[in-house]
């Protein structure tokens, strides 16, 4: 069985002011696919965290050279896969998770370790998250389209009032 996929690719400078462009694109893609408003907001938070991590940490200390962040949206009939990749400094994801420890619903926001909230949010808001840290860091996130769909002709504003 051959699965159809549409690929949308973007590259942005690793600067905070460009993360909003990724959020806007993601919002349009997810809306077009039929994700509910709340799911689109979850997608935007998770992808913003991945992009912000790349902007803040990937190219730190590399002679002031700003790198770039590549973002790929793979649009399937039943899911959206988002891949955020940089070629900056890597880290040991498993070790970072161990250092931060597990989060449970018993933890308050004040008890969350600084620097680990982004990974926690991505894992909480997305259906699947995979992090590879080889020559740079690649975060692959998947959100399945299995809930109430938004009609493509319905605006977010109209959807909120219904």
N, C-alpha and C. Protein backbone atom coordinates (compact mmCIF):
# COMPACT_ATOMS: atom_id res chain seq x y z
N UNK A 1 0.84 -1.18 0.00
CA UNK A 1 0.00 0.00 0.00
C UNK A 1 0.88 1.24 0.00
N UNK A 2 0.73 2.09 -1.00
CA UNK A 2 1.49 3.32 -1.11
C UNK A 2 0.73 4.46 -0.46
N UNK A 3 1.34 5.09 0.53
CA UNK A 3 0.70 6.16 1.26
C UNK A 3 1.07 7.51 0.63
N UNK A 4 0.08 8.33 0.37
CA UNK A 4 0.31 9.64 -0.23
C UNK A 4 0.76 10.63 0.85
N UNK A 5 1.76 11.44 0.50
CA UNK A 5 2.26 12.44 1.43
C UNK A 5 2.61 13.71 0.66
N UNK A 6 2.24 14.84 1.24
CA UNK A 6 2.67 16.14 0.71
C UNK A 6 3.75 16.67 1.63
N UNK A 7 4.82 17.18 1.05
CA UNK A 7 5.95 17.69 1.81
C UNK A 7 6.05 19.20 1.66
N UNK A 8 6.11 19.88 2.80
CA UNK A 8 6.33 21.33 2.82
C UNK A 8 7.62 21.53 3.61
N UNK A 9 8.59 22.19 3.01
CA UNK A 9 9.89 22.41 3.64
C UNK A 9 10.16 23.90 3.80
N UNK A 10 10.73 24.25 4.94
CA UNK A 10 11.12 25.64 5.19
C UNK A 10 12.47 25.65 5.89
N UNK A 11 13.23 26.68 5.61
CA UNK A 11 14.47 26.93 6.35
C UNK A 11 14.41 28.37 6.82
N UNK A 12 14.71 28.56 8.11
CA UNK A 12 14.72 29.90 8.68
C UNK A 12 16.08 30.14 9.35
N UNK A 13 16.49 31.40 9.42
CA UNK A 13 17.69 31.70 10.21
C UNK A 13 17.43 31.33 11.67
N UNK A 14 18.42 30.86 12.37
CA UNK A 14 18.28 30.47 13.77
C UNK A 14 18.22 31.72 14.64
N UNK A 15 17.15 32.48 14.44
CA UNK A 15 16.92 33.72 15.18
C UNK A 15 15.47 33.71 15.69
N UNK A 16 15.25 34.17 16.91
CA UNK A 16 13.92 34.09 17.52
C UNK A 16 12.81 34.75 16.69
N UNK A 17 13.12 35.81 15.99
CA UNK A 17 12.08 36.54 15.26
C UNK A 17 11.49 35.75 14.08
N UNK A 18 12.11 34.64 13.71
CA UNK A 18 11.60 33.84 12.59
C UNK A 18 10.75 32.65 13.02
N UNK A 19 10.71 32.33 14.31
CA UNK A 19 9.92 31.20 14.80
C UNK A 19 8.44 31.42 14.51
N UNK A 20 7.98 32.65 14.57
CA UNK A 20 6.58 32.98 14.30
C UNK A 20 6.15 32.59 12.89
N UNK A 21 7.07 32.65 11.94
CA UNK A 21 6.75 32.26 10.56
C UNK A 21 6.43 30.76 10.50
N UNK A 22 7.16 29.97 11.27
CA UNK A 22 6.90 28.53 11.33
C UNK A 22 5.53 28.29 11.96
N UNK A 23 5.24 29.02 13.04
CA UNK A 23 3.93 28.87 13.70
C UNK A 23 2.78 29.21 12.76
N UNK A 24 2.92 30.28 12.00
CA UNK A 24 1.87 30.67 11.06
C UNK A 24 1.67 29.62 9.97
N UNK A 25 2.76 29.11 9.45
CA UNK A 25 2.68 28.07 8.42
C UNK A 25 2.02 26.82 8.98
N UNK A 26 2.46 26.40 10.15
CA UNK A 26 1.89 25.23 10.80
C UNK A 26 0.39 25.41 11.03
N UNK A 27 0.00 26.57 11.49
CA UNK A 27 -1.42 26.84 11.73
C UNK A 27 -2.24 26.69 10.45
N UNK A 28 -1.72 27.20 9.35
CA UNK A 28 -2.41 27.08 8.07
C UNK A 28 -2.50 25.64 7.59
N UNK A 29 -1.41 24.90 7.71
CA UNK A 29 -1.39 23.50 7.28
C UNK A 29 -2.36 22.68 8.13
N UNK A 30 -2.28 22.83 9.45
CA UNK A 30 -3.12 22.04 10.35
C UNK A 30 -4.60 22.39 10.18
N UNK A 31 -4.89 23.66 9.97
CA UNK A 31 -6.27 24.09 9.74
C UNK A 31 -6.81 23.46 8.45
N UNK A 32 -6.00 23.49 7.42
CA UNK A 32 -6.39 22.92 6.13
C UNK A 32 -6.66 21.42 6.25
N UNK A 33 -5.90 20.74 7.11
CA UNK A 33 -6.07 19.31 7.29
C UNK A 33 -7.33 18.98 8.09
N UNK A 34 -7.82 19.93 8.86
CA UNK A 34 -9.04 19.70 9.64
C UNK A 34 -8.84 19.48 11.12
N UNK A 35 -7.68 19.84 11.66
CA UNK A 35 -7.47 19.72 13.10
C UNK A 35 -8.38 20.71 13.83
N UNK A 36 -8.80 20.33 15.02
CA UNK A 36 -9.60 21.21 15.87
C UNK A 36 -8.72 22.35 16.38
N UNK A 37 -9.36 23.44 16.76
CA UNK A 37 -8.66 24.63 17.24
C UNK A 37 -7.67 24.29 18.37
N UNK A 38 -8.12 23.50 19.36
CA UNK A 38 -7.27 23.15 20.50
C UNK A 38 -6.05 22.33 20.05
N UNK A 39 -6.25 21.45 19.08
CA UNK A 39 -5.15 20.65 18.56
C UNK A 39 -4.13 21.52 17.83
N UNK A 40 -4.62 22.51 17.10
CA UNK A 40 -3.72 23.43 16.39
C UNK A 40 -2.89 24.21 17.40
N UNK A 41 -3.51 24.63 18.48
CA UNK A 41 -2.76 25.35 19.52
C UNK A 41 -1.70 24.44 20.14
N UNK A 42 -2.04 23.17 20.40
CA UNK A 42 -1.06 22.20 20.93
C UNK A 42 0.10 22.02 19.95
N UNK A 43 -0.22 21.87 18.67
CA UNK A 43 0.81 21.73 17.64
C UNK A 43 1.74 22.94 17.64
N UNK A 44 1.16 24.13 17.72
CA UNK A 44 1.97 25.35 17.68
C UNK A 44 2.90 25.44 18.88
N UNK A 45 2.42 25.04 20.06
CA UNK A 45 3.27 25.08 21.25
C UNK A 45 4.43 24.09 21.10
N UNK A 46 4.13 22.86 20.71
CA UNK A 46 5.18 21.84 20.59
C UNK A 46 6.23 22.23 19.55
N UNK A 47 5.78 22.68 18.39
CA UNK A 47 6.73 23.05 17.33
C UNK A 47 7.51 24.30 17.71
N UNK A 48 6.85 25.25 18.36
CA UNK A 48 7.57 26.44 18.82
C UNK A 48 8.66 26.07 19.80
N UNK A 49 8.39 25.12 20.69
CA UNK A 49 9.40 24.67 21.65
C UNK A 49 10.60 24.05 20.93
N UNK A 50 10.33 23.21 19.94
CA UNK A 50 11.43 22.58 19.19
C UNK A 50 12.25 23.63 18.45
N UNK A 51 11.58 24.57 17.81
CA UNK A 51 12.29 25.63 17.07
C UNK A 51 13.07 26.53 18.02
N UNK A 52 12.45 26.89 19.13
CA UNK A 52 13.11 27.77 20.10
C UNK A 52 14.34 27.08 20.70
N UNK A 53 14.23 25.78 20.97
CA UNK A 53 15.41 25.04 21.46
C UNK A 53 16.54 25.11 20.45
N UNK A 54 16.23 24.93 19.17
CA UNK A 54 17.25 25.00 18.13
C UNK A 54 17.86 26.39 18.07
N UNK A 55 17.03 27.41 18.13
CA UNK A 55 17.52 28.80 18.06
C UNK A 55 18.40 29.12 19.27
N UNK A 56 17.99 28.70 20.46
CA UNK A 56 18.71 29.08 21.68
C UNK A 56 19.95 28.24 21.94
N UNK A 57 19.93 26.96 21.55
CA UNK A 57 21.00 26.07 21.98
C UNK A 57 21.90 25.53 20.87
N UNK A 58 21.41 25.43 19.66
CA UNK A 58 22.16 24.72 18.62
C UNK A 58 23.46 25.40 18.24
N UNK A 59 23.44 26.68 18.09
CA UNK A 59 24.61 27.37 17.55
C UNK A 59 25.32 28.23 18.59
N UNK A 60 25.05 27.96 19.84
CA UNK A 60 25.67 28.71 20.93
C UNK A 60 27.18 28.52 20.91
N UNK A 61 27.90 29.60 20.98
CA UNK A 61 29.36 29.53 21.08
C UNK A 61 30.08 29.16 19.80
N UNK A 62 29.44 29.28 18.67
CA UNK A 62 30.11 28.96 17.40
C UNK A 62 30.54 30.24 16.69
N UNK A 63 31.42 30.98 17.32
CA UNK A 63 31.98 32.21 16.77
C UNK A 63 30.92 33.20 16.31
N UNK A 64 29.81 33.24 17.03
CA UNK A 64 28.76 34.20 16.70
C UNK A 64 28.04 33.88 15.39
N UNK A 65 28.36 32.77 14.77
CA UNK A 65 27.73 32.43 13.50
C UNK A 65 26.31 31.94 13.74
N UNK A 66 25.38 32.57 13.07
CA UNK A 66 23.99 32.12 13.16
C UNK A 66 23.78 31.02 12.14
N UNK A 67 23.22 29.93 12.58
CA UNK A 67 22.93 28.83 11.67
C UNK A 67 21.52 28.94 11.14
N UNK A 68 20.99 27.80 10.73
CA UNK A 68 19.62 27.78 10.24
C UNK A 68 18.89 26.59 10.84
N UNK A 69 17.57 26.71 10.84
CA UNK A 69 16.71 25.65 11.33
C UNK A 69 15.86 25.19 10.15
N UNK A 70 15.86 23.90 9.89
CA UNK A 70 15.04 23.34 8.81
C UNK A 70 13.80 22.71 9.42
N UNK A 71 12.65 23.01 8.82
CA UNK A 71 11.39 22.46 9.31
C UNK A 71 10.68 21.80 8.13
N UNK A 72 10.25 20.57 8.34
CA UNK A 72 9.53 19.83 7.30
C UNK A 72 8.17 19.43 7.85
N UNK A 73 7.14 19.69 7.07
CA UNK A 73 5.78 19.25 7.40
C UNK A 73 5.44 18.14 6.43
N UNK A 74 5.18 16.95 6.92
CA UNK A 74 4.76 15.83 6.08
C UNK A 74 3.28 15.62 6.33
N UNK A 75 2.49 15.92 5.31
CA UNK A 75 1.04 15.91 5.42
C UNK A 75 0.50 14.59 4.87
N UNK A 76 0.01 13.76 5.74
CA UNK A 76 -0.62 12.49 5.38
C UNK A 76 -2.14 12.66 5.54
N UNK A 77 -2.88 11.69 5.09
CA UNK A 77 -4.34 11.76 5.23
C UNK A 77 -4.77 11.71 6.69
N UNK A 78 -4.04 10.94 7.52
CA UNK A 78 -4.46 10.73 8.90
C UNK A 78 -3.54 11.33 9.96
N UNK A 79 -2.51 12.06 9.53
CA UNK A 79 -1.58 12.59 10.52
C UNK A 79 -0.72 13.70 9.90
N UNK A 80 -0.09 14.46 10.79
CA UNK A 80 0.88 15.46 10.40
C UNK A 80 2.18 15.13 11.13
N UNK A 81 3.25 15.00 10.36
CA UNK A 81 4.56 14.80 10.95
C UNK A 81 5.36 16.07 10.75
N UNK A 82 6.00 16.53 11.80
CA UNK A 82 6.80 17.75 11.74
C UNK A 82 8.21 17.39 12.17
N UNK A 83 9.17 17.77 11.37
CA UNK A 83 10.58 17.50 11.67
C UNK A 83 11.30 18.84 11.78
N UNK A 84 11.92 19.08 12.92
CA UNK A 84 12.69 20.30 13.16
C UNK A 84 14.14 19.87 13.32
N UNK A 85 15.03 20.40 12.48
CA UNK A 85 16.42 19.96 12.50
C UNK A 85 17.37 21.15 12.45
N UNK A 86 18.49 20.99 13.14
CA UNK A 86 19.57 21.98 13.08
C UNK A 86 20.88 21.23 12.92
N UNK A 87 21.91 21.94 12.59
CA UNK A 87 23.24 21.34 12.45
C UNK A 87 24.20 21.88 13.50
N UNK A 88 23.64 22.32 14.60
CA UNK A 88 24.44 22.89 15.68
C UNK A 88 24.89 21.84 16.67
N UNK A 89 25.14 22.28 17.89
CA UNK A 89 25.61 21.40 18.94
C UNK A 89 24.58 20.36 19.33
N UNK A 90 25.01 19.14 19.53
CA UNK A 90 24.13 18.05 19.92
C UNK A 90 24.12 17.89 21.43
N UNK A 91 23.22 17.06 21.92
CA UNK A 91 23.20 16.69 23.32
C UNK A 91 22.69 15.26 23.42
N UNK A 92 22.92 14.66 24.56
CA UNK A 92 22.48 13.29 24.80
C UNK A 92 21.06 13.33 25.36
N UNK A 93 20.09 13.02 24.50
CA UNK A 93 18.68 13.13 24.86
C UNK A 93 18.33 12.22 26.04
N UNK A 94 18.77 10.97 25.98
CA UNK A 94 18.47 10.02 27.05
C UNK A 94 19.04 10.50 28.38
N UNK A 95 20.27 11.01 28.34
CA UNK A 95 20.90 11.51 29.56
C UNK A 95 20.15 12.72 30.09
N UNK A 96 19.72 13.59 29.19
CA UNK A 96 18.96 14.78 29.60
C UNK A 96 17.66 14.37 30.28
N UNK A 97 16.97 13.38 29.73
CA UNK A 97 15.73 12.89 30.35
C UNK A 97 16.00 12.32 31.74
N UNK A 98 17.08 11.56 31.87
CA UNK A 98 17.43 10.99 33.17
C UNK A 98 17.77 12.08 34.17
N UNK A 99 18.52 13.09 33.72
CA UNK A 99 18.90 14.20 34.61
C UNK A 99 17.68 14.96 35.10
N UNK A 100 16.71 15.14 34.22
CA UNK A 100 15.51 15.90 34.59
C UNK A 100 14.55 15.09 35.43
N UNK A 101 14.59 13.77 35.27
CA UNK A 101 13.70 12.90 36.02
C UNK A 101 12.31 12.89 35.43
N UNK A 102 11.48 11.97 35.91
CA UNK A 102 10.12 11.87 35.37
C UNK A 102 9.24 13.00 35.90
N UNK A 103 8.29 13.40 35.08
CA UNK A 103 7.28 14.35 35.50
C UNK A 103 5.99 13.59 35.71
N UNK A 104 5.27 13.95 36.75
CA UNK A 104 3.97 13.34 36.99
C UNK A 104 2.96 14.45 37.25
N UNK A 105 1.70 14.08 37.30
CA UNK A 105 0.66 15.08 37.55
C UNK A 105 0.76 15.63 38.98
N UNK A 106 1.52 14.96 39.84
CA UNK A 106 1.71 15.43 41.21
C UNK A 106 2.67 16.63 41.27
N UNK A 107 3.48 16.84 40.22
CA UNK A 107 4.42 17.95 40.20
C UNK A 107 3.68 19.27 39.93
N UNK A 108 4.11 20.30 40.64
CA UNK A 108 3.59 21.64 40.33
C UNK A 108 4.53 22.28 39.32
N UNK A 109 4.10 23.37 38.73
CA UNK A 109 4.93 24.07 37.75
C UNK A 109 6.25 24.49 38.37
N UNK A 110 6.22 24.87 39.65
CA UNK A 110 7.45 25.30 40.33
C UNK A 110 8.46 24.16 40.48
N UNK A 111 7.99 22.92 40.42
CA UNK A 111 8.88 21.77 40.61
C UNK A 111 9.50 21.28 39.32
N UNK A 112 9.08 21.81 38.18
CA UNK A 112 9.64 21.38 36.90
C UNK A 112 11.04 21.95 36.75
N UNK A 113 11.96 21.12 36.29
CA UNK A 113 13.35 21.53 36.13
C UNK A 113 13.47 22.54 34.99
N UNK A 114 14.25 23.58 35.24
CA UNK A 114 14.48 24.58 34.19
C UNK A 114 15.24 23.92 33.04
N UNK A 115 14.82 24.21 31.84
CA UNK A 115 15.49 23.66 30.67
C UNK A 115 14.87 22.37 30.16
N UNK A 116 14.00 21.77 30.93
CA UNK A 116 13.40 20.52 30.48
C UNK A 116 11.93 20.64 30.13
N UNK A 117 11.36 21.79 30.36
CA UNK A 117 9.93 21.96 30.13
C UNK A 117 9.56 21.81 28.66
N UNK A 118 10.42 22.26 27.76
CA UNK A 118 10.14 22.15 26.33
C UNK A 118 10.00 20.71 25.88
N UNK A 119 10.91 19.85 26.32
CA UNK A 119 10.84 18.43 25.98
C UNK A 119 9.57 17.81 26.56
N UNK A 120 9.26 18.17 27.78
CA UNK A 120 8.05 17.67 28.43
C UNK A 120 6.80 18.09 27.65
N UNK A 121 6.74 19.36 27.27
CA UNK A 121 5.58 19.85 26.51
C UNK A 121 5.43 19.13 25.18
N UNK A 122 6.54 18.96 24.46
CA UNK A 122 6.48 18.26 23.18
C UNK A 122 5.93 16.85 23.35
N UNK A 123 6.41 16.14 24.35
CA UNK A 123 5.98 14.77 24.57
C UNK A 123 4.53 14.70 25.04
N UNK A 124 4.09 15.70 25.77
CA UNK A 124 2.72 15.73 26.28
C UNK A 124 1.71 16.10 25.20
N UNK A 125 2.07 17.05 24.35
CA UNK A 125 1.12 17.59 23.38
C UNK A 125 1.06 16.81 22.06
N UNK A 126 2.09 16.05 21.76
CA UNK A 126 2.14 15.30 20.50
C UNK A 126 1.90 13.83 20.76
N UNK A 127 1.47 13.10 19.74
CA UNK A 127 1.24 11.66 19.88
C UNK A 127 2.54 10.87 19.88
N UNK A 128 3.51 11.32 19.10
CA UNK A 128 4.82 10.66 19.05
C UNK A 128 5.89 11.73 18.96
N UNK A 129 6.99 11.52 19.67
CA UNK A 129 8.15 12.42 19.61
C UNK A 129 9.41 11.57 19.60
N UNK A 130 10.28 11.87 18.66
CA UNK A 130 11.56 11.18 18.58
C UNK A 130 12.65 12.23 18.43
N UNK A 131 13.70 12.11 19.22
CA UNK A 131 14.82 13.05 19.17
C UNK A 131 16.07 12.30 18.78
N UNK A 132 16.76 12.80 17.77
CA UNK A 132 18.05 12.24 17.37
C UNK A 132 19.08 13.36 17.49
N UNK A 133 20.20 13.03 18.10
CA UNK A 133 21.25 14.02 18.28
C UNK A 133 22.55 13.44 17.74
N UNK A 134 22.79 13.65 16.46
CA UNK A 134 24.02 13.18 15.84
C UNK A 134 24.84 14.40 15.45
N UNK A 135 24.76 14.82 14.22
CA UNK A 135 25.41 16.07 13.81
C UNK A 135 24.34 17.14 13.82
N UNK A 136 24.06 17.63 15.03
CA UNK A 136 22.94 18.52 15.24
C UNK A 136 21.83 17.75 15.94
N UNK A 137 20.69 18.38 16.05
CA UNK A 137 19.55 17.75 16.72
C UNK A 137 18.37 17.74 15.75
N UNK A 138 17.70 16.60 15.69
CA UNK A 138 16.50 16.46 14.88
C UNK A 138 15.37 15.99 15.78
N UNK A 139 14.29 16.76 15.79
CA UNK A 139 13.11 16.40 16.57
C UNK A 139 12.00 16.07 15.58
N UNK A 140 11.49 14.84 15.64
CA UNK A 140 10.39 14.41 14.78
C UNK A 140 9.16 14.22 15.66
N UNK A 141 8.08 14.91 15.31
CA UNK A 141 6.85 14.87 16.10
C UNK A 141 5.69 14.50 15.19
N UNK A 142 4.77 13.71 15.72
CA UNK A 142 3.59 13.28 14.97
C UNK A 142 2.33 13.57 15.77
N UNK A 143 1.33 14.09 15.07
CA UNK A 143 0.00 14.30 15.65
C UNK A 143 -0.99 13.65 14.71
N UNK A 144 -1.74 12.67 15.23
CA UNK A 144 -2.73 11.97 14.41
C UNK A 144 -4.01 12.79 14.32
N UNK A 145 -4.64 12.70 13.18
CA UNK A 145 -5.89 13.41 12.92
C UNK A 145 -7.01 12.40 13.16
N UNK A 146 -7.52 12.38 14.39
CA UNK A 146 -8.53 11.38 14.70
C UNK A 146 -9.67 11.92 15.54
N UNK A 147 -9.71 13.23 15.67
CA UNK A 147 -10.78 13.82 16.46
C UNK A 147 -11.70 14.61 15.56
N UNK A 148 -12.54 15.39 16.18
CA UNK A 148 -13.50 16.21 15.44
C UNK A 148 -12.77 17.10 14.44
N UNK A 149 -13.23 17.07 13.21
CA UNK A 149 -12.61 17.87 12.16
C UNK A 149 -13.26 19.24 12.06
N UNK A 150 -12.47 20.21 11.66
CA UNK A 150 -12.97 21.54 11.40
C UNK A 150 -13.22 21.63 9.91
N UNK A 151 -14.41 22.09 9.51
CA UNK A 151 -14.72 22.28 8.10
C UNK A 151 -13.75 23.30 7.52
N UNK A 152 -13.20 23.03 6.34
CA UNK A 152 -12.20 23.91 5.74
C UNK A 152 -12.74 25.31 5.48
N UNK A 153 -14.06 25.48 5.36
CA UNK A 153 -14.64 26.80 5.13
C UNK A 153 -14.95 27.53 6.43
N UNK A 154 -14.74 26.87 7.55
CA UNK A 154 -15.02 27.47 8.84
C UNK A 154 -13.78 28.20 9.35
N UNK A 155 -13.94 29.42 9.75
CA UNK A 155 -12.81 30.16 10.30
C UNK A 155 -12.67 29.80 11.76
N UNK A 156 -11.51 30.06 12.31
CA UNK A 156 -11.27 29.79 13.74
C UNK A 156 -12.26 30.60 14.56
N UNK A 157 -12.50 31.84 14.19
CA UNK A 157 -13.42 32.70 14.94
C UNK A 157 -14.81 32.07 14.96
N UNK A 158 -15.30 31.61 13.82
CA UNK A 158 -16.61 30.98 13.77
C UNK A 158 -16.64 29.68 14.57
N UNK A 159 -15.54 28.93 14.53
CA UNK A 159 -15.46 27.66 15.22
C UNK A 159 -15.58 27.88 16.72
N UNK A 160 -14.93 28.93 17.25
CA UNK A 160 -14.96 29.18 18.68
C UNK A 160 -16.37 29.54 19.16
N UNK A 161 -17.18 30.18 18.34
CA UNK A 161 -18.50 30.60 18.76
C UNK A 161 -19.52 29.49 18.64
N UNK A 162 -19.20 28.41 17.93
CA UNK A 162 -20.16 27.29 17.75
C UNK A 162 -20.06 26.31 18.88
